[in-house]
Amino acid sequence: MSETKIKFELEKQNKNSVRYKEVPKDGMPPILGSIYVQKWYAGNSKYLEVTVNKVE
């Protein structure tokens, strides 16, 4: 199993959700791009980290 941690920073707030854009590692293209997280969970967080497991 391969595990990757992806960092995101706040991009835009909508009515009920927050959009975060991926901060790619140097020289690498984005893996997920942008993600939407519900406001009740995101709160005032300017940064998020998501762990992705690739199951083979």
PDB file of N, CA and C in Angstrom:
ATOM      1  N   MET A   1       0.848  -1.173   0.000  1.00  0.00           N
ATOM      2  CA  MET A   1       0.000   0.000   0.000  1.00  0.00           C
ATOM      3  C   MET A   1       0.897   1.241   0.000  1.00  0.00           C
ATOM      4  N   SER A   2       0.558   2.213  -0.828  1.00  0.00           N
ATOM      5  CA  SER A   2       1.314   3.455  -0.941  1.00  0.00           C
ATOM      6  C   SER A   2       0.505   4.596  -0.324  1.00  0.00           C
ATOM      7  N   GLU A   3       1.125   5.349   0.602  1.00  0.00           N
ATOM      8  CA  GLU A   3       0.434   6.432   1.287  1.00  0.00           C
ATOM      9  C   GLU A   3       1.067   7.769   0.923  1.00  0.00           C
ATOM     10  N   THR A   4       0.232   8.751   0.578  1.00  0.00           N
ATOM     11  CA  THR A   4       0.693  10.084   0.215  1.00  0.00           C
ATOM     12  C   THR A   4      -0.091  11.120   0.999  1.00  0.00           C
ATOM     13  N   LYS A   5       0.609  12.086   1.582  1.00  0.00           N
ATOM     14  CA  LYS A   5      -0.046  13.200   2.276  1.00  0.00           C
ATOM     15  C   LYS A   5      -0.045  14.398   1.340  1.00  0.00           C
ATOM     16  N   ILE A   6      -1.240  14.983   1.160  1.00  0.00           N
ATOM     17  CA  ILE A   6      -1.410  16.104   0.246  1.00  0.00           C
ATOM     18  C   ILE A   6      -1.851  17.321   1.049  1.00  0.00           C
ATOM     19  N   LYS A   7      -1.162  18.433   0.852  1.00  0.00           N
ATOM     20  CA  LYS A   7      -1.476  19.659   1.582  1.00  0.00           C
ATOM     21  C   LYS A   7      -2.346  20.571   0.718  1.00  0.00           C
ATOM     22  N   PHE A   8      -3.292  21.242   1.379  1.00  0.00           N
ATOM     23  CA  PHE A   8      -4.219  22.149   0.721  1.00  0.00           C
ATOM     24  C   PHE A   8      -4.249  23.474   1.469  1.00  0.00           C
ATOM     25  N   GLU A   9      -4.504  24.572   0.718  1.00  0.00           N
ATOM     26  CA  GLU A   9      -4.667  25.881   1.338  1.00  0.00           C
ATOM     27  C   GLU A   9      -6.001  26.479   0.911  1.00  0.00           C
ATOM     28  N   LEU A  10      -6.562  27.303   1.777  1.00  0.00           N
ATOM     29  CA  LEU A  10      -7.854  27.923   1.539  1.00  0.00           C
ATOM     30  C   LEU A  10      -7.841  28.714   0.238  1.00  0.00           C
ATOM     31  N   GLU A  11      -8.871  28.496  -0.575  1.00  0.00           N
ATOM     32  CA  GLU A  11      -8.982  29.217  -1.846  1.00  0.00           C
ATOM     33  C   GLU A  11     -10.206  30.122  -1.845  1.00  0.00           C
ATOM     34  N   LYS A  12     -11.374  29.585  -1.417  1.00  0.00           N
ATOM     35  CA  LYS A  12     -12.616  30.344  -1.497  1.00  0.00           C
ATOM     36  C   LYS A  12     -13.650  29.774  -0.537  1.00  0.00           C
ATOM     37  N   GLN A  13     -14.447  30.659   0.051  1.00  0.00           N
ATOM     38  CA  GLN A  13     -15.547  30.207   0.903  1.00  0.00           C
ATOM     39  C   GLN A  13     -16.859  30.394   0.169  1.00  0.00           C
ATOM     40  N   ASN A  14     -17.686  29.376   0.192  1.00  0.00           N
ATOM     41  CA  ASN A  14     -19.022  29.423  -0.391  1.00  0.00           C
ATOM     42  C   ASN A  14     -20.040  29.445   0.742  1.00  0.00           C
ATOM     43  N   LYS A  15     -21.310  29.348   0.403  1.00  0.00           N
ATOM     44  CA  LYS A  15     -22.357  29.414   1.416  1.00  0.00           C
ATOM     45  C   LYS A  15     -22.223  28.313   2.468  1.00  0.00           C
ATOM     46  N   ASN A  16     -22.087  27.060   2.026  1.00  0.00           N
ATOM     47  CA  ASN A  16     -22.035  25.932   2.961  1.00  0.00           C
ATOM     48  C   ASN A  16     -20.738  25.141   2.906  1.00  0.00           C
ATOM     49  N   SER A  17     -19.827  25.537   2.034  1.00  0.00           N
ATOM     50  CA  SER A  17     -18.588  24.777   1.896  1.00  0.00           C
ATOM     51  C   SER A  17     -17.399  25.711   1.682  1.00  0.00           C
ATOM     52  N   VAL A  18     -16.212  25.121   1.767  1.00  0.00           N
ATOM     53  CA  VAL A  18     -14.968  25.850   1.579  1.00  0.00           C
ATOM     54  C   VAL A  18     -14.160  25.114   0.523  1.00  0.00           C
ATOM     55  N   ARG A  19     -13.599  25.854  -0.427  1.00  0.00           N
ATOM     56  CA  ARG A  19     -12.776  25.236  -1.463  1.00  0.00           C
ATOM     57  C   ARG A  19     -11.306  25.430  -1.098  1.00  0.00           C
ATOM     58  N   TYR A  20     -10.572  24.318  -1.143  1.00  0.00           N
ATOM     59  CA  TYR A  20      -9.140  24.327  -0.880  1.00  0.00           C
ATOM     60  C   TYR A  20      -8.419  23.907  -2.145  1.00  0.00           C
ATOM     61  N   LYS A  21      -7.286  24.570  -2.431  1.00  0.00           N
ATOM     62  CA  LYS A  21      -6.487  24.172  -3.591  1.00  0.00           C
ATOM     63  C   LYS A  21      -5.229  23.456  -3.116  1.00  0.00           C
ATOM     64  N   GLU A  22      -4.846  22.477  -3.874  1.00  0.00           N
ATOM     65  CA  GLU A  22      -3.674  21.668  -3.529  1.00  0.00           C
ATOM     66  C   GLU A  22      -2.393  22.492  -3.662  1.00  0.00           C
ATOM     67  N   VAL A  23      -1.479  22.274  -2.723  1.00  0.00           N
ATOM     68  CA  VAL A  23      -0.149  22.861  -2.796  1.00  0.00           C
ATOM     69  C   VAL A  23       0.766  21.735  -3.268  1.00  0.00           C
ATOM     70  N   PRO A  24       1.073  21.704  -4.585  1.00  0.00           N
ATOM     71  CA  PRO A  24       1.866  20.587  -5.112  1.00  0.00           C
ATOM     72  C   PRO A  24       3.308  20.623  -4.611  1.00  0.00           C
ATOM     73  N   LYS A  25       3.912  19.449  -4.529  1.00  0.00           N
ATOM     74  CA  LYS A  25       5.326  19.369  -4.165  1.00  0.00           C
ATOM     75  C   LYS A  25       6.143  19.912  -5.329  1.00  0.00           C
ATOM     76  N   ASP A  26       7.333  20.392  -5.038  1.00  0.00           N
ATOM     77  CA  ASP A  26       8.187  21.016  -6.052  1.00  0.00           C
ATOM     78  C   ASP A  26       8.341  20.159  -7.301  1.00  0.00           C
ATOM     79  N   GLY A  27       7.983  20.753  -8.442  1.00  0.00           N
ATOM     80  CA  GLY A  27       8.176  20.087  -9.721  1.00  0.00           C
ATOM     81  C   GLY A  27       7.168  19.008 -10.058  1.00  0.00           C
ATOM     82  N   MET A  28       6.183  18.778  -9.212  1.00  0.00           N
ATOM     83  CA  MET A  28       5.191  17.726  -9.445  1.00  0.00           C
ATOM     84  C   MET A  28       3.840  18.345  -9.801  1.00  0.00           C
ATOM     85  N   PRO A  29       3.065  17.687 -10.662  1.00  0.00           N
ATOM     86  CA  PRO A  29       1.715  18.183 -10.940  1.00  0.00           C
ATOM     87  C   PRO A  29       0.783  17.846  -9.772  1.00  0.00           C
ATOM     88  N   PRO A  30      -0.358  18.546  -9.663  1.00  0.00           N
ATOM     89  CA  PRO A  30      -1.315  18.245  -8.583  1.00  0.00           C
ATOM     90  C   PRO A  30      -1.866  16.824  -8.714  1.00  0.00           C
ATOM     91  N   ILE A  31      -2.178  16.233  -7.578  1.00  0.00           N
ATOM     92  CA  ILE A  31      -2.768  14.890  -7.557  1.00  0.00           C
ATOM     93  C   ILE A  31      -4.296  14.994  -7.556  1.00  0.00           C
ATOM     94  N   LEU A  32      -4.850  15.842  -6.692  1.00  0.00           N
ATOM     95  CA  LEU A  32      -6.297  16.004  -6.589  1.00  0.00           C
ATOM     96  C   LEU A  32      -6.794  17.346  -7.116  1.00  0.00           C
ATOM     97  N   GLY A  33      -5.970  18.367  -7.124  1.00  0.00           N
ATOM     98  CA  GLY A  33      -6.403  19.698  -7.571  1.00  0.00           C
ATOM     99  C   GLY A  33      -7.092  20.434  -6.440  1.00  0.00           C
ATOM    100  N   SER A  34      -8.387  20.692  -6.586  1.00  0.00           N
ATOM    101  CA  SER A  34      -9.164  21.381  -5.561  1.00  0.00           C
ATOM    102  C   SER A  34     -10.147  20.421  -4.916  1.00  0.00           C
ATOM    103  N   ILE A  35     -10.432  20.684  -3.642  1.00  0.00           N
ATOM    104  CA  ILE A  35     -11.446  19.885  -2.944  1.00  0.00           C
ATOM    105  C   ILE A  35     -12.402  20.827  -2.224  1.00  0.00           C
ATOM    106  N   TYR A  36     -13.634  20.363  -2.034  1.00  0.00           N
ATOM    107  CA  TYR A  36     -14.630  21.109  -1.269  1.00  0.00           C
ATOM    108  C   TYR A  36     -14.859  20.389   0.043  1.00  0.00           C
ATOM    109  N   VAL A  37     -14.864  21.159   1.143  1.00  0.00           N
ATOM    110  CA  VAL A  37     -15.089  20.614   2.478  1.00  0.00           C
ATOM    111  C   VAL A  37     -16.231  21.413   3.105  1.00  0.00           C
ATOM    112  N   GLN A  38     -17.141  20.730   3.765  1.00  0.00           N
ATOM    113  CA  GLN A  38     -18.264  21.410   4.398  1.00  0.00           C
ATOM    114  C   GLN A  38     -17.776  22.349   5.500  1.00  0.00           C
ATOM    115  N   LYS A  39     -18.426  23.518   5.614  1.00  0.00           N
ATOM    116  CA  LYS A  39     -18.010  24.540   6.587  1.00  0.00           C
ATOM    117  C   LYS A  39     -18.059  24.024   8.021  1.00  0.00           C
ATOM    118  N   TRP A  40     -19.025  23.169   8.343  1.00  0.00           N
ATOM    119  CA  TRP A  40     -19.131  22.697   9.725  1.00  0.00           C
ATOM    120  C   TRP A  40     -17.883  21.934  10.133  1.00  0.00           C
ATOM    121  N   TYR A  41     -17.191  21.321   9.169  1.00  0.00           N
ATOM    122  CA  TYR A  41     -15.957  20.592   9.473  1.00  0.00           C
ATOM    123  C   TYR A  41     -14.725  21.482   9.330  1.00  0.00           C
ATOM    124  N   ALA A  42     -14.664  22.258   8.267  1.00  0.00           N
ATOM    125  CA  ALA A  42     -13.486  23.079   7.978  1.00  0.00           C
ATOM    126  C   ALA A  42     -13.275  24.180   9.011  1.00  0.00           C
ATOM    127  N   GLY A  43     -14.357  24.737   9.527  1.00  0.00           N
ATOM    128  CA  GLY A  43     -14.234  25.816  10.501  1.00  0.00           C
ATOM    129  C   GLY A  43     -13.434  26.973   9.925  1.00  0.00           C
ATOM    130  N   ASN A  44     -12.437  27.456  10.667  1.00  0.00           N
ATOM    131  CA  ASN A  44     -11.602  28.569  10.216  1.00  0.00           C
ATOM    132  C   ASN A  44     -10.234  28.116   9.720  1.00  0.00           C
ATOM    133  N   SER A  45     -10.090  26.841   9.398  1.00  0.00           N
ATOM    134  CA  SER A  45      -8.792  26.308   8.982  1.00  0.00           C
ATOM    135  C   SER A  45      -8.355  26.892   7.649  1.00  0.00           C
ATOM    136  N   LYS A  46      -7.159  27.431   7.613  1.00  0.00           N
ATOM    137  CA  LYS A  46      -6.595  27.959   6.369  1.00  0.00           C
ATOM    138  C   LYS A  46      -5.878  26.855   5.591  1.00  0.00           C
ATOM    139  N   TYR A  47      -5.503  25.783   6.278  1.00  0.00           N
ATOM    140  CA  TYR A  47      -4.786  24.671   5.644  1.00  0.00           C
ATOM    141  C   TYR A  47      -5.400  23.345   6.067  1.00  0.00           C
ATOM    142  N   LEU A  48      -5.368  22.370   5.150  1.00  0.00           N
ATOM    143  CA  LEU A  48      -5.785  20.998   5.423  1.00  0.00           C
ATOM    144  C   LEU A  48      -4.717  20.059   4.897  1.00  0.00           C
ATOM    145  N   GLU A  49      -4.690  18.867   5.458  1.00  0.00           N
ATOM    146  CA  GLU A  49      -3.824  17.813   4.952  1.00  0.00           C
ATOM    147  C   GLU A  49      -4.670  16.567   4.784  1.00  0.00           C
ATOM    148  N   VAL A  50      -4.603  15.970   3.609  1.00  0.00           N
ATOM    149  CA  VAL A  50      -5.371  14.770   3.288  1.00  0.00           C
ATOM    150  C   VAL A  50      -4.419  13.644   3.004  1.00  0.00           C
ATOM    151  N   THR A  51      -4.692  12.472   3.569  1.00  0.00           N
ATOM    152  CA  THR A  51      -3.871  11.292   3.320  1.00  0.00           C
ATOM    153  C   THR A  51      -4.609  10.383   2.345  1.00  0.00           C
ATOM    154  N   VAL A  52      -3.909  10.004   1.274  1.00  0.00           N
ATOM    155  CA  VAL A  52      -4.482   9.119   0.253  1.00  0.00           C
ATOM    156  C   VAL A  52      -3.702   7.822   0.253  1.00  0.00           C
ATOM    157  N   ASN A  53      -4.419   6.707   0.331  1.00  0.00           N
ATOM    158  CA  ASN A  53      -3.796   5.381   0.265  1.00  0.00           C
ATOM    159  C   ASN A  53      -4.111   4.747  -1.074  1.00  0.00           C
ATOM    160  N   LYS A  54      -3.085   4.328  -1.777  1.00  0.00           N
ATOM    161  CA  LYS A  54      -3.256   3.635  -3.049  1.00  0.00           C
ATOM    162  C   LYS A  54      -3.163   2.140  -2.776  1.00  0.00           C
ATOM    163  N   VAL A  55      -4.289   1.449  -2.934  1.00  0.00           N
ATOM    164  CA  VAL A  55      -4.357   0.028  -2.643  1.00  0.00           C
ATOM    165  C   VAL A  55      -4.184  -0.737  -3.945  1.00  0.00           C
ATOM    166  N   GLU A  56      -3.226  -1.623  -3.950  1.00  0.00           N
ATOM    167  CA  GLU A  56      -2.938  -2.363  -5.180  1.00  0.00           C
ATOM    168  C   GLU A  56      -3.246  -3.831  -5.026  1.00  0.00           C
TER     169      GLU A  56
END
